[in-house]
């Protein structure tokens, strides 16, 4: 069972998302927060697997909340869910450690799919946000391509294969199938890849791989 938390200052949004997530028998909304501060308090007193976090909120905004949530001993996976499709929101949310970025008008089935994906260690980005993020990442990090290549060179050949598929947006299950591995083995490889590349999550790892041209 995936234990979810909704973080949004709009009561109607919280209600709508709670009703949506609870239609899935494998998701249980166990907490609701009206701002980032309350989200931190709730996440420190109970296990949260996935948090859906708005960006613009009073007292503590979503970006700050993501940073604080990621710093917890047992951090939840985080999906930023917002009305505003702005470059700064996308970039800052993922830089802070979010595992996904979706707009609130995303199809309900895709929101449910995103919760399942990030809960298992995968990532989920709104298509338009992903394209602009990659473009911006390439523009701002091009001088550091050599550094990206040197970090990738520290991976084992098998980890390099996993990273290349991760950069294509494949889930752990997809990677396991394509490489003939157990999914648990893929998870172990991904964990070491993140450590070796010195990145927070698989989205950042994928962008670094793309920047270095490490794709299949």
N, C-alpha and C. Protein backbone atom coordinates (compact mmCIF):
# COMPACT_ATOMS: atom_id res chain seq x y z
N UNK A 1 0.83 -1.20 0.00
CA UNK A 1 0.00 0.00 0.00
C UNK A 1 0.87 1.26 0.00
N UNK A 2 0.61 2.17 -0.93
CA UNK A 2 1.36 3.43 -1.01
C UNK A 2 0.69 4.46 -0.10
N UNK A 3 1.42 4.96 0.87
CA UNK A 3 0.90 5.96 1.80
C UNK A 3 1.21 7.35 1.23
N UNK A 4 0.16 8.10 0.89
CA UNK A 4 0.33 9.38 0.22
C UNK A 4 -0.04 10.56 1.10
N UNK A 5 0.57 11.72 0.81
CA UNK A 5 0.24 12.97 1.50
C UNK A 5 -0.01 14.04 0.44
N UNK A 6 -1.07 14.82 0.62
CA UNK A 6 -1.41 15.93 -0.26
C UNK A 6 -1.00 17.22 0.43
N UNK A 7 -0.22 18.05 -0.26
CA UNK A 7 0.23 19.32 0.32
C UNK A 7 -0.21 20.45 -0.60
N UNK A 8 -1.26 21.17 -0.20
CA UNK A 8 -1.82 22.24 -1.03
C UNK A 8 -2.67 23.14 -0.15
N UNK A 9 -2.60 24.45 -0.36
CA UNK A 9 -3.36 25.38 0.48
C UNK A 9 -4.81 25.52 0.04
N UNK A 10 -5.17 24.92 -1.09
CA UNK A 10 -6.55 24.98 -1.60
C UNK A 10 -7.31 23.73 -1.12
N UNK A 11 -8.34 23.94 -0.29
CA UNK A 11 -9.09 22.83 0.28
C UNK A 11 -9.77 21.98 -0.79
N UNK A 12 -10.25 22.63 -1.86
CA UNK A 12 -10.92 21.88 -2.92
C UNK A 12 -9.93 20.99 -3.68
N UNK A 13 -8.71 21.49 -3.87
CA UNK A 13 -7.69 20.69 -4.54
C UNK A 13 -7.34 19.48 -3.67
N UNK A 14 -7.17 19.72 -2.38
CA UNK A 14 -6.86 18.60 -1.48
C UNK A 14 -7.96 17.55 -1.52
N UNK A 15 -9.21 18.00 -1.50
CA UNK A 15 -10.34 17.08 -1.51
C UNK A 15 -10.38 16.30 -2.83
N UNK A 16 -10.19 17.02 -3.94
CA UNK A 16 -10.25 16.36 -5.24
C UNK A 16 -9.14 15.33 -5.42
N UNK A 17 -7.93 15.69 -5.01
CA UNK A 17 -6.81 14.75 -5.14
C UNK A 17 -6.99 13.55 -4.21
N UNK A 18 -7.51 13.81 -3.01
CA UNK A 18 -7.74 12.72 -2.07
C UNK A 18 -8.76 11.74 -2.64
N UNK A 19 -9.85 12.28 -3.18
CA UNK A 19 -10.88 11.42 -3.77
C UNK A 19 -10.30 10.61 -4.94
N UNK A 20 -9.47 11.27 -5.76
CA UNK A 20 -8.87 10.60 -6.91
C UNK A 20 -7.95 9.46 -6.46
N UNK A 21 -7.02 9.78 -5.57
CA UNK A 21 -6.05 8.76 -5.15
C UNK A 21 -6.72 7.60 -4.43
N UNK A 22 -7.77 7.89 -3.69
CA UNK A 22 -8.45 6.83 -2.95
C UNK A 22 -9.28 5.91 -3.84
N UNK A 23 -9.41 6.25 -5.13
CA UNK A 23 -10.08 5.33 -6.05
C UNK A 23 -9.16 4.15 -6.39
N UNK A 24 -7.87 4.31 -6.09
CA UNK A 24 -6.91 3.25 -6.35
C UNK A 24 -6.74 2.44 -5.07
N UNK A 25 -7.02 1.16 -5.14
CA UNK A 25 -6.99 0.32 -3.94
C UNK A 25 -5.59 0.14 -3.37
N UNK A 26 -4.58 0.54 -4.14
CA UNK A 26 -3.20 0.41 -3.67
C UNK A 26 -2.61 1.72 -3.16
N UNK A 27 -3.45 2.77 -3.09
CA UNK A 27 -3.01 4.07 -2.58
C UNK A 27 -3.90 4.48 -1.42
N UNK A 28 -3.31 4.96 -0.35
CA UNK A 28 -4.07 5.43 0.81
C UNK A 28 -3.58 6.81 1.19
N UNK A 29 -4.45 7.82 1.10
CA UNK A 29 -4.08 9.18 1.50
C UNK A 29 -4.15 9.24 3.02
N UNK A 30 -2.99 9.29 3.66
CA UNK A 30 -2.92 9.25 5.12
C UNK A 30 -2.70 10.62 5.76
N UNK A 31 -2.42 11.64 4.93
CA UNK A 31 -2.18 12.97 5.49
C UNK A 31 -2.48 14.06 4.48
N UNK A 32 -2.95 15.21 4.99
CA UNK A 32 -3.16 16.39 4.17
C UNK A 32 -2.54 17.58 4.89
N UNK A 33 -1.82 18.41 4.15
CA UNK A 33 -1.18 19.60 4.73
C UNK A 33 -1.57 20.83 3.94
N UNK A 34 -1.73 21.95 4.62
CA UNK A 34 -2.13 23.19 3.97
C UNK A 34 -0.93 24.03 3.54
N UNK A 35 0.26 23.67 3.98
CA UNK A 35 1.47 24.39 3.58
C UNK A 35 2.69 23.53 3.88
N UNK A 36 3.87 24.04 3.51
CA UNK A 36 5.09 23.27 3.69
C UNK A 36 5.42 22.95 5.12
N UNK A 37 5.20 23.88 6.02
CA UNK A 37 5.51 23.65 7.43
C UNK A 37 4.71 22.48 8.00
N UNK A 38 3.42 22.46 7.70
CA UNK A 38 2.59 21.37 8.19
C UNK A 38 3.01 20.04 7.54
N UNK A 39 3.44 20.10 6.30
CA UNK A 39 3.89 18.89 5.62
C UNK A 39 5.10 18.29 6.33
N UNK A 40 6.03 19.13 6.74
CA UNK A 40 7.22 18.66 7.46
C UNK A 40 6.82 18.01 8.77
N UNK A 41 5.91 18.67 9.48
CA UNK A 41 5.45 18.13 10.77
C UNK A 41 4.82 16.76 10.59
N UNK A 42 3.96 16.62 9.59
CA UNK A 42 3.27 15.35 9.36
C UNK A 42 4.25 14.25 8.93
N UNK A 43 5.21 14.62 8.10
CA UNK A 43 6.15 13.63 7.58
C UNK A 43 7.13 13.14 8.64
N UNK A 44 7.28 13.89 9.71
CA UNK A 44 8.19 13.46 10.78
C UNK A 44 7.50 12.58 11.80
N UNK A 45 6.19 12.50 11.75
CA UNK A 45 5.46 11.70 12.74
C UNK A 45 4.86 10.43 12.16
N UNK A 46 4.91 10.27 10.84
CA UNK A 46 4.36 9.07 10.23
C UNK A 46 5.06 8.78 8.91
N UNK A 47 4.94 7.55 8.43
CA UNK A 47 5.59 7.18 7.18
C UNK A 47 4.77 7.68 6.00
N UNK A 48 5.43 8.45 5.15
CA UNK A 48 4.81 8.92 3.92
C UNK A 48 5.65 8.38 2.76
N UNK A 49 5.03 7.67 1.84
CA UNK A 49 5.76 7.12 0.70
C UNK A 49 5.86 8.12 -0.44
N UNK A 50 4.75 8.80 -0.73
CA UNK A 50 4.72 9.77 -1.83
C UNK A 50 3.97 11.03 -1.38
N UNK A 51 4.59 12.17 -1.60
CA UNK A 51 3.94 13.45 -1.28
C UNK A 51 3.69 14.22 -2.57
N UNK A 52 2.45 14.69 -2.76
CA UNK A 52 2.11 15.55 -3.90
C UNK A 52 2.11 16.97 -3.38
N UNK A 53 3.04 17.78 -3.87
CA UNK A 53 3.30 19.09 -3.26
C UNK A 53 3.07 20.23 -4.25
N UNK A 54 2.24 21.19 -3.85
CA UNK A 54 2.03 22.40 -4.65
C UNK A 54 3.25 23.30 -4.50
N UNK A 55 3.42 24.25 -5.41
CA UNK A 55 4.57 25.15 -5.35
C UNK A 55 4.25 26.41 -4.54
N UNK A 56 3.14 27.07 -4.87
CA UNK A 56 2.82 28.35 -4.24
C UNK A 56 1.90 28.12 -3.05
N UNK A 57 2.46 28.32 -1.84
CA UNK A 57 1.70 28.15 -0.60
C UNK A 57 2.18 29.17 0.44
N UNK A 58 1.33 29.52 1.40
CA UNK A 58 1.74 30.45 2.45
C UNK A 58 2.70 29.80 3.44
N UNK A 59 3.33 30.61 4.25
CA UNK A 59 4.26 30.19 5.32
C UNK A 59 5.52 29.51 4.79
N UNK A 60 5.38 28.40 4.07
CA UNK A 60 6.53 27.74 3.45
C UNK A 60 6.13 27.24 2.07
N UNK A 61 6.83 27.73 1.04
CA UNK A 61 6.48 27.34 -0.33
C UNK A 61 6.90 25.91 -0.61
N UNK A 62 6.45 25.40 -1.76
CA UNK A 62 6.70 24.02 -2.10
C UNK A 62 8.15 23.67 -2.32
N UNK A 63 8.93 24.58 -2.92
CA UNK A 63 10.34 24.30 -3.19
C UNK A 63 11.11 24.12 -1.88
N UNK A 64 10.86 25.02 -0.93
CA UNK A 64 11.51 24.90 0.38
C UNK A 64 11.06 23.63 1.08
N UNK A 65 9.78 23.31 0.96
CA UNK A 65 9.25 22.11 1.59
C UNK A 65 9.90 20.86 1.01
N UNK A 66 10.10 20.83 -0.30
CA UNK A 66 10.75 19.68 -0.94
C UNK A 66 12.16 19.49 -0.37
N UNK A 67 12.90 20.58 -0.27
CA UNK A 67 14.26 20.50 0.28
C UNK A 67 14.25 19.94 1.69
N UNK A 68 13.31 20.41 2.50
CA UNK A 68 13.22 19.96 3.89
C UNK A 68 12.76 18.51 3.98
N UNK A 69 11.81 18.13 3.14
CA UNK A 69 11.33 16.74 3.13
C UNK A 69 12.44 15.79 2.71
N UNK A 70 13.24 16.18 1.72
CA UNK A 70 14.33 15.33 1.25
C UNK A 70 15.40 15.14 2.32
N UNK A 71 15.48 16.07 3.27
CA UNK A 71 16.50 16.00 4.31
C UNK A 71 16.10 15.12 5.49
N UNK A 72 14.85 14.64 5.50
CA UNK A 72 14.39 13.79 6.59
C UNK A 72 15.09 12.43 6.55
N UNK A 73 15.19 11.76 7.70
CA UNK A 73 15.85 10.44 7.75
C UNK A 73 15.23 9.43 6.78
N UNK A 74 13.91 9.48 6.63
CA UNK A 74 13.20 8.59 5.70
C UNK A 74 12.33 9.46 4.79
N UNK A 75 12.94 10.11 3.80
CA UNK A 75 12.19 11.05 2.96
C UNK A 75 11.20 10.37 2.03
N UNK A 76 10.06 11.01 1.81
CA UNK A 76 9.10 10.47 0.84
C UNK A 76 9.54 10.80 -0.57
N UNK A 77 9.02 10.07 -1.55
CA UNK A 77 9.17 10.48 -2.94
C UNK A 77 8.25 11.67 -3.13
N UNK A 78 8.60 12.56 -4.03
CA UNK A 78 7.86 13.81 -4.15
C UNK A 78 7.47 14.11 -5.59
N UNK A 79 6.19 14.43 -5.78
CA UNK A 79 5.68 14.90 -7.07
C UNK A 79 5.21 16.34 -6.88
N UNK A 80 5.77 17.24 -7.65
CA UNK A 80 5.30 18.62 -7.63
C UNK A 80 4.09 18.70 -8.56
N UNK A 81 2.99 19.15 -8.02
CA UNK A 81 1.74 19.23 -8.79
C UNK A 81 1.23 20.66 -8.71
N UNK A 82 1.31 21.39 -9.82
CA UNK A 82 1.00 22.81 -9.78
C UNK A 82 0.18 23.25 -10.99
N UNK A 83 -0.43 24.41 -10.86
CA UNK A 83 -1.21 25.00 -11.95
C UNK A 83 -0.30 25.68 -12.96
N UNK A 84 0.89 26.10 -12.51
CA UNK A 84 1.73 26.96 -13.32
C UNK A 84 2.87 26.20 -14.00
N UNK A 85 2.85 26.18 -15.33
CA UNK A 85 3.86 25.49 -16.12
C UNK A 85 4.98 26.47 -16.44
N UNK A 86 5.75 26.83 -15.42
CA UNK A 86 6.82 27.82 -15.57
C UNK A 86 8.19 27.15 -15.46
N UNK A 87 9.14 27.59 -16.28
CA UNK A 87 10.47 27.00 -16.27
C UNK A 87 11.10 27.00 -14.88
N UNK A 88 10.99 28.13 -14.18
CA UNK A 88 11.63 28.23 -12.87
C UNK A 88 11.04 27.23 -11.89
N UNK A 89 9.74 27.02 -11.94
CA UNK A 89 9.11 26.05 -11.04
C UNK A 89 9.63 24.65 -11.32
N UNK A 90 9.67 24.29 -12.62
CA UNK A 90 10.12 22.95 -12.99
C UNK A 90 11.56 22.75 -12.55
N UNK A 91 12.43 23.65 -12.94
CA UNK A 91 13.86 23.52 -12.67
C UNK A 91 14.14 23.51 -11.17
N UNK A 92 13.54 24.43 -10.43
CA UNK A 92 13.81 24.53 -9.00
C UNK A 92 13.26 23.34 -8.23
N UNK A 93 12.10 22.84 -8.64
CA UNK A 93 11.50 21.68 -7.97
C UNK A 93 12.38 20.46 -8.13
N UNK A 94 12.87 20.21 -9.34
CA UNK A 94 13.71 19.03 -9.57
C UNK A 94 15.09 19.21 -8.94
N UNK A 95 15.60 20.44 -8.96
CA UNK A 95 16.90 20.69 -8.32
C UNK A 95 16.80 20.46 -6.81
N UNK A 96 15.61 20.74 -6.25
CA UNK A 96 15.42 20.54 -4.81
C UNK A 96 15.25 19.07 -4.46
N UNK A 97 14.99 18.22 -5.46
CA UNK A 97 14.89 16.79 -5.20
C UNK A 97 13.56 16.15 -5.54
N UNK A 98 12.67 16.87 -6.24
CA UNK A 98 11.39 16.27 -6.62
C UNK A 98 11.62 15.14 -7.62
N UNK A 99 10.78 14.11 -7.53
CA UNK A 99 10.89 12.96 -8.42
C UNK A 99 9.96 13.08 -9.63
N UNK A 100 9.10 14.09 -9.61
CA UNK A 100 8.18 14.27 -10.72
C UNK A 100 7.61 15.67 -10.73
N UNK A 101 7.11 16.08 -11.89
CA UNK A 101 6.49 17.41 -12.02
C UNK A 101 5.30 17.27 -12.96
N UNK A 102 4.11 17.56 -12.43
CA UNK A 102 2.89 17.46 -13.22
C UNK A 102 2.05 18.72 -13.05
N UNK A 103 1.23 19.00 -14.04
CA UNK A 103 0.28 20.10 -13.93
C UNK A 103 -1.02 19.55 -13.34
N UNK A 104 -1.78 20.42 -12.69
CA UNK A 104 -3.01 19.98 -12.04
C UNK A 104 -4.08 19.57 -13.04
N UNK A 105 -3.93 19.97 -14.30
CA UNK A 105 -4.91 19.54 -15.31
C UNK A 105 -4.48 18.25 -16.01
N UNK A 106 -3.45 17.59 -15.46
CA UNK A 106 -3.01 16.30 -16.00
C UNK A 106 -4.15 15.29 -15.88
N UNK A 107 -4.27 14.42 -16.85
CA UNK A 107 -5.31 13.39 -16.82
C UNK A 107 -5.23 12.59 -15.51
N UNK A 108 -6.37 12.37 -14.85
CA UNK A 108 -6.37 11.65 -13.57
C UNK A 108 -5.63 10.32 -13.62
N UNK A 109 -5.77 9.59 -14.71
CA UNK A 109 -5.09 8.30 -14.83
C UNK A 109 -3.58 8.47 -14.81
N UNK A 110 -3.10 9.58 -15.38
CA UNK A 110 -1.66 9.84 -15.41
C UNK A 110 -1.16 10.23 -14.02
N UNK A 111 -1.99 10.91 -13.24
CA UNK A 111 -1.59 11.25 -11.87
C UNK A 111 -1.45 9.98 -11.04
N UNK A 112 -2.40 9.08 -11.19
CA UNK A 112 -2.32 7.79 -10.48
C UNK A 112 -1.08 7.02 -10.93
N UNK A 113 -0.83 7.03 -12.22
CA UNK A 113 0.35 6.33 -12.74
C UNK A 113 1.63 6.95 -12.18
N UNK A 114 1.65 8.27 -12.06
CA UNK A 114 2.83 8.95 -11.52
C UNK A 114 3.11 8.54 -10.09
N UNK A 115 2.06 8.43 -9.28
CA UNK A 115 2.23 8.03 -7.89
C UNK A 115 2.85 6.64 -7.80
N UNK A 116 2.37 5.74 -8.63
CA UNK A 116 2.92 4.38 -8.64
C UNK A 116 4.37 4.37 -9.13
N UNK A 117 4.66 5.15 -10.16
CA UNK A 117 6.01 5.18 -10.71
C UNK A 117 7.03 5.71 -9.71
N UNK A 118 6.74 6.86 -9.10
CA UNK A 118 7.73 7.43 -8.19
C UNK A 118 7.86 6.60 -6.92
N UNK A 119 6.79 5.92 -6.53
CA UNK A 119 6.85 5.07 -5.34
C UNK A 119 7.83 3.93 -5.53
N UNK A 120 8.03 3.51 -6.78
CA UNK A 120 8.95 2.41 -7.07
C UNK A 120 10.33 2.90 -7.51
N UNK A 121 10.55 4.22 -7.39
CA UNK A 121 11.87 4.75 -7.72
C UNK A 121 12.02 5.32 -9.10
N UNK A 122 10.95 5.37 -9.87
CA UNK A 122 11.01 5.95 -11.21
C UNK A 122 10.66 7.44 -11.13
N UNK A 123 10.57 8.07 -12.28
CA UNK A 123 10.27 9.50 -12.32
C UNK A 123 9.13 9.75 -13.29
N UNK A 124 8.51 10.92 -13.17
CA UNK A 124 7.38 11.25 -14.04
C UNK A 124 7.36 12.76 -14.26
N UNK A 125 7.49 13.17 -15.52
CA UNK A 125 7.46 14.59 -15.84
C UNK A 125 6.40 14.86 -16.90
N UNK A 126 5.73 15.99 -16.73
CA UNK A 126 4.81 16.45 -17.76
C UNK A 126 5.62 16.65 -19.04
N UNK A 127 5.16 16.16 -20.20
CA UNK A 127 5.95 16.22 -21.43
C UNK A 127 6.54 17.60 -21.76
N UNK A 128 5.74 18.65 -21.67
CA UNK A 128 6.24 19.98 -22.02
C UNK A 128 7.31 20.43 -21.03
N UNK A 129 7.13 20.08 -19.77
CA UNK A 129 8.10 20.44 -18.74
C UNK A 129 9.41 19.70 -18.98
N UNK A 130 9.33 18.44 -19.36
CA UNK A 130 10.53 17.64 -19.60
C UNK A 130 11.35 18.21 -20.75
N UNK A 131 10.70 18.58 -21.82
CA UNK A 131 11.40 19.10 -22.99
C UNK A 131 12.13 20.40 -22.66
N UNK A 132 11.45 21.32 -21.99
CA UNK A 132 12.08 22.59 -21.67
C UNK A 132 13.18 22.43 -20.63
N UNK A 133 12.98 21.49 -19.71
CA UNK A 133 14.00 21.25 -18.69
C UNK A 133 15.28 20.73 -19.33
N UNK A 134 15.15 19.79 -20.24
CA UNK A 134 16.32 19.25 -20.92
C UNK A 134 17.03 20.34 -21.71
N UNK A 135 16.26 21.18 -22.42
CA UNK A 135 16.85 22.27 -23.18
C UNK A 135 17.61 23.23 -22.29
N UNK A 136 17.01 23.58 -21.15
CA UNK A 136 17.67 24.50 -20.23
C UNK A 136 18.91 23.86 -19.62
N UNK A 137 18.80 22.60 -19.24
CA UNK A 137 19.93 21.91 -18.63
C UNK A 137 21.11 21.90 -19.58
N UNK A 138 20.86 21.64 -20.86
CA UNK A 138 21.93 21.61 -21.84
C UNK A 138 22.56 22.99 -22.01
N UNK A 139 21.74 24.03 -21.99
CA UNK A 139 22.27 25.39 -22.16
C UNK A 139 23.14 25.79 -20.98
N UNK A 140 22.72 25.42 -19.77
CA UNK A 140 23.42 25.91 -18.58
C UNK A 140 24.54 25.02 -18.10
N UNK A 141 24.60 23.77 -18.58
CA UNK A 141 25.63 22.86 -18.08
C UNK A 141 26.61 22.40 -19.15
N UNK A 142 26.48 22.90 -20.36
CA UNK A 142 27.35 22.44 -21.44
C UNK A 142 28.84 22.53 -21.08
N UNK A 143 29.33 23.59 -20.38
CA UNK A 143 30.74 23.64 -20.04
C UNK A 143 31.17 22.51 -19.12
N UNK A 144 30.22 21.84 -18.43
CA UNK A 144 30.58 20.81 -17.47
C UNK A 144 30.45 19.41 -18.07
N UNK A 145 30.35 19.30 -19.40
CA UNK A 145 30.19 18.00 -20.03
C UNK A 145 31.32 17.05 -19.68
N UNK A 146 32.56 17.55 -19.64
CA UNK A 146 33.71 16.71 -19.31
C UNK A 146 33.57 16.12 -17.92
N UNK A 147 33.09 16.93 -16.99
CA UNK A 147 32.88 16.45 -15.62
C UNK A 147 31.83 15.35 -15.61
N UNK A 148 30.76 15.52 -16.37
CA UNK A 148 29.71 14.50 -16.45
C UNK A 148 30.28 13.20 -17.01
N UNK A 149 31.10 13.32 -18.04
CA UNK A 149 31.69 12.13 -18.66
C UNK A 149 32.62 11.41 -17.69
N UNK A 150 33.36 12.17 -16.89
CA UNK A 150 34.30 11.54 -15.95
C UNK A 150 33.55 10.80 -14.86
N UNK A 151 32.41 11.34 -14.42
CA UNK A 151 31.63 10.66 -13.40
C UNK A 151 30.99 9.40 -13.96
N UNK A 152 30.51 9.48 -15.19
CA UNK A 152 29.92 8.30 -15.82
C UNK A 152 30.98 7.23 -16.03
N UNK A 153 32.21 7.64 -16.32
CA UNK A 153 33.29 6.68 -16.54
C UNK A 153 33.60 5.86 -15.29
N UNK A 154 33.19 6.37 -14.12
CA UNK A 154 33.43 5.66 -12.87
C UNK A 154 32.44 4.53 -12.64
N UNK A 155 31.40 4.45 -13.47
CA UNK A 155 30.41 3.39 -13.35
C UNK A 155 30.93 2.09 -13.95
N UNK A 156 30.39 0.98 -13.50
CA UNK A 156 30.72 -0.30 -14.11
C UNK A 156 30.00 -0.37 -15.47
N UNK A 157 30.44 -1.25 -16.37
CA UNK A 157 29.75 -1.38 -17.67
C UNK A 157 28.26 -1.65 -17.51
N UNK A 158 27.90 -2.50 -16.54
CA UNK A 158 26.48 -2.82 -16.35
C UNK A 158 25.72 -1.60 -15.85
N UNK A 159 26.32 -0.83 -14.95
CA UNK A 159 25.68 0.39 -14.46
C UNK A 159 25.52 1.39 -15.60
N UNK A 160 26.49 1.39 -16.51
CA UNK A 160 26.40 2.26 -17.68
C UNK A 160 25.21 1.89 -18.55
N UNK A 161 24.97 0.58 -18.69
CA UNK A 161 23.81 0.13 -19.46
C UNK A 161 22.51 0.58 -18.80
N UNK A 162 22.45 0.44 -17.48
CA UNK A 162 21.25 0.84 -16.72
C UNK A 162 21.03 2.35 -16.87
N UNK A 163 22.11 3.12 -16.76
CA UNK A 163 21.99 4.58 -16.86
C UNK A 163 21.48 4.98 -18.25
N UNK A 164 21.96 4.34 -19.28
CA UNK A 164 21.53 4.68 -20.64
C UNK A 164 20.03 4.47 -20.81
N UNK A 165 19.52 3.38 -20.25
CA UNK A 165 18.08 3.13 -20.34
C UNK A 165 17.30 4.07 -19.44
N UNK A 166 17.88 4.38 -18.29
CA UNK A 166 17.25 5.35 -17.37
C UNK A 166 17.11 6.70 -18.08
N UNK A 167 18.13 7.06 -18.86
CA UNK A 167 18.10 8.33 -19.59
C UNK A 167 17.01 8.36 -20.64
N UNK A 168 16.54 7.18 -21.06
CA UNK A 168 15.44 7.10 -22.02
C UNK A 168 14.08 7.19 -21.34
N UNK A 169 14.09 7.25 -20.01
CA UNK A 169 12.85 7.35 -19.26
C UNK A 169 12.25 6.01 -18.89
N UNK A 170 13.03 4.93 -19.03
CA UNK A 170 12.53 3.60 -18.72
C UNK A 170 12.37 3.41 -17.21
N UNK A 171 11.36 2.65 -16.81
CA UNK A 171 11.16 2.31 -15.41
C UNK A 171 12.11 1.19 -15.01
N UNK A 172 12.21 0.92 -13.72
CA UNK A 172 13.06 -0.17 -13.26
C UNK A 172 12.60 -1.50 -13.86
N UNK A 173 11.28 -1.70 -13.93
CA UNK A 173 10.75 -2.94 -14.49
C UNK A 173 11.14 -3.07 -15.96
N UNK A 174 11.05 -1.97 -16.72
CA UNK A 174 11.41 -1.99 -18.14
C UNK A 174 12.89 -2.30 -18.32
N UNK A 175 13.72 -1.67 -17.49
CA UNK A 175 15.17 -1.89 -17.58
C UNK A 175 15.50 -3.35 -17.28
N UNK A 176 14.85 -3.89 -16.24
CA UNK A 176 15.08 -5.29 -15.87
C UNK A 176 14.73 -6.22 -17.04
N UNK A 177 13.63 -5.93 -17.71
CA UNK A 177 13.20 -6.76 -18.83
C UNK A 177 14.18 -6.67 -20.00
N UNK A 178 14.61 -5.47 -20.32
CA UNK A 178 15.48 -5.27 -21.48
C UNK A 178 16.89 -5.81 -21.26
N UNK A 179 17.35 -5.78 -20.00
CA UNK A 179 18.70 -6.25 -19.73
C UNK A 179 18.74 -7.66 -19.14
N UNK A 180 17.56 -8.29 -18.98
CA UNK A 180 17.52 -9.64 -18.45
C UNK A 180 17.99 -9.72 -17.01
N UNK A 181 17.54 -8.77 -16.18
CA UNK A 181 17.96 -8.70 -14.79
C UNK A 181 16.74 -8.74 -13.88
N UNK A 182 16.98 -8.99 -12.61
CA UNK A 182 15.91 -8.87 -11.63
C UNK A 182 15.68 -7.39 -11.34
N UNK A 183 14.43 -7.02 -11.04
CA UNK A 183 14.13 -5.62 -10.75
C UNK A 183 14.87 -5.15 -9.51
N UNK A 184 15.04 -6.03 -8.53
CA UNK A 184 15.77 -5.68 -7.31
C UNK A 184 17.23 -5.34 -7.63
N UNK A 185 17.79 -6.04 -8.62
CA UNK A 185 19.17 -5.76 -9.03
C UNK A 185 19.25 -4.40 -9.70
N UNK A 186 18.25 -4.08 -10.52
CA UNK A 186 18.22 -2.77 -11.16
C UNK A 186 18.16 -1.67 -10.11
N UNK A 187 17.32 -1.86 -9.09
CA UNK A 187 17.21 -0.86 -8.02
C UNK A 187 18.55 -0.65 -7.34
N UNK A 188 19.28 -1.72 -7.11
CA UNK A 188 20.59 -1.62 -6.48
C UNK A 188 21.57 -0.84 -7.37
N UNK A 189 21.52 -1.13 -8.68
CA UNK A 189 22.37 -0.41 -9.62
C UNK A 189 22.03 1.08 -9.63
N UNK A 190 20.73 1.40 -9.67
CA UNK A 190 20.30 2.81 -9.70
C UNK A 190 20.79 3.54 -8.46
N UNK A 191 20.70 2.89 -7.30
CA UNK A 191 21.15 3.50 -6.06
C UNK A 191 22.63 3.85 -6.13
N UNK A 192 23.44 2.94 -6.65
CA UNK A 192 24.88 3.21 -6.74
C UNK A 192 25.17 4.26 -7.82
N UNK A 193 24.38 4.24 -8.89
CA UNK A 193 24.56 5.24 -9.94
C UNK A 193 24.35 6.65 -9.38
N UNK A 194 23.28 6.83 -8.59
CA UNK A 194 23.00 8.15 -8.01
C UNK A 194 24.14 8.60 -7.12
N UNK A 195 24.69 7.65 -6.34
CA UNK A 195 25.80 7.98 -5.44
C UNK A 195 27.05 8.35 -6.23
N UNK A 196 27.36 7.55 -7.24
CA UNK A 196 28.57 7.79 -8.04
C UNK A 196 28.49 9.10 -8.82
N UNK A 197 27.32 9.38 -9.35
CA UNK A 197 27.15 10.61 -10.14
C UNK A 197 26.93 11.84 -9.27
N UNK A 198 26.72 11.61 -7.96
CA UNK A 198 26.48 12.69 -7.01
C UNK A 198 25.26 13.52 -7.39
N UNK A 199 24.15 12.79 -7.63
CA UNK A 199 22.87 13.44 -7.94
C UNK A 199 21.82 12.94 -6.96
N UNK A 200 20.73 13.68 -6.86
CA UNK A 200 19.70 13.38 -5.87
C UNK A 200 18.73 12.30 -6.33
N UNK A 201 18.34 12.34 -7.59
CA UNK A 201 17.34 11.38 -8.07
C UNK A 201 17.60 11.00 -9.52
N UNK A 202 16.78 10.09 -10.04
CA UNK A 202 17.02 9.55 -11.38
C UNK A 202 16.76 10.57 -12.48
N UNK A 203 15.94 11.59 -12.22
CA UNK A 203 15.73 12.64 -13.22
C UNK A 203 17.05 13.37 -13.47
N UNK A 204 17.74 13.74 -12.38
CA UNK A 204 19.00 14.43 -12.52
C UNK A 204 20.05 13.54 -13.17
N UNK A 205 20.02 12.25 -12.83
CA UNK A 205 20.95 11.30 -13.45
C UNK A 205 20.70 11.21 -14.96
N UNK A 206 19.43 11.18 -15.34
CA UNK A 206 19.08 11.08 -16.76
C UNK A 206 19.54 12.32 -17.52
N UNK A 207 19.36 13.49 -16.92
CA UNK A 207 19.79 14.72 -17.58
C UNK A 207 21.30 14.76 -17.74
N UNK A 208 22.02 14.32 -16.71
CA UNK A 208 23.48 14.29 -16.78
C UNK A 208 23.94 13.33 -17.88
N UNK A 209 23.27 12.18 -17.98
CA UNK A 209 23.62 11.20 -19.01
C UNK A 209 23.38 11.77 -20.40
N UNK A 210 22.25 12.43 -20.57
CA UNK A 210 21.93 13.02 -21.87
C UNK A 210 22.94 14.09 -22.23
N UNK A 211 23.35 14.89 -21.24
CA UNK A 211 24.30 15.96 -21.49
C UNK A 211 25.64 15.41 -21.95
N UNK A 212 26.01 14.23 -21.43
CA UNK A 212 27.27 13.60 -21.80
C UNK A 212 27.15 12.72 -23.03
N UNK A 213 25.93 12.64 -23.58
CA UNK A 213 25.71 11.82 -24.76
C UNK A 213 25.70 10.34 -24.46
N UNK A 214 25.42 9.99 -23.19
CA UNK A 214 25.43 8.59 -22.78
C UNK A 214 24.04 7.99 -22.95
N UNK A 215 23.72 7.66 -24.18
CA UNK A 215 22.41 7.06 -24.49
C UNK A 215 22.64 5.88 -25.42
N UNK A 216 21.62 5.03 -25.53
CA UNK A 216 21.71 3.85 -26.38
C UNK A 216 21.36 4.18 -27.83
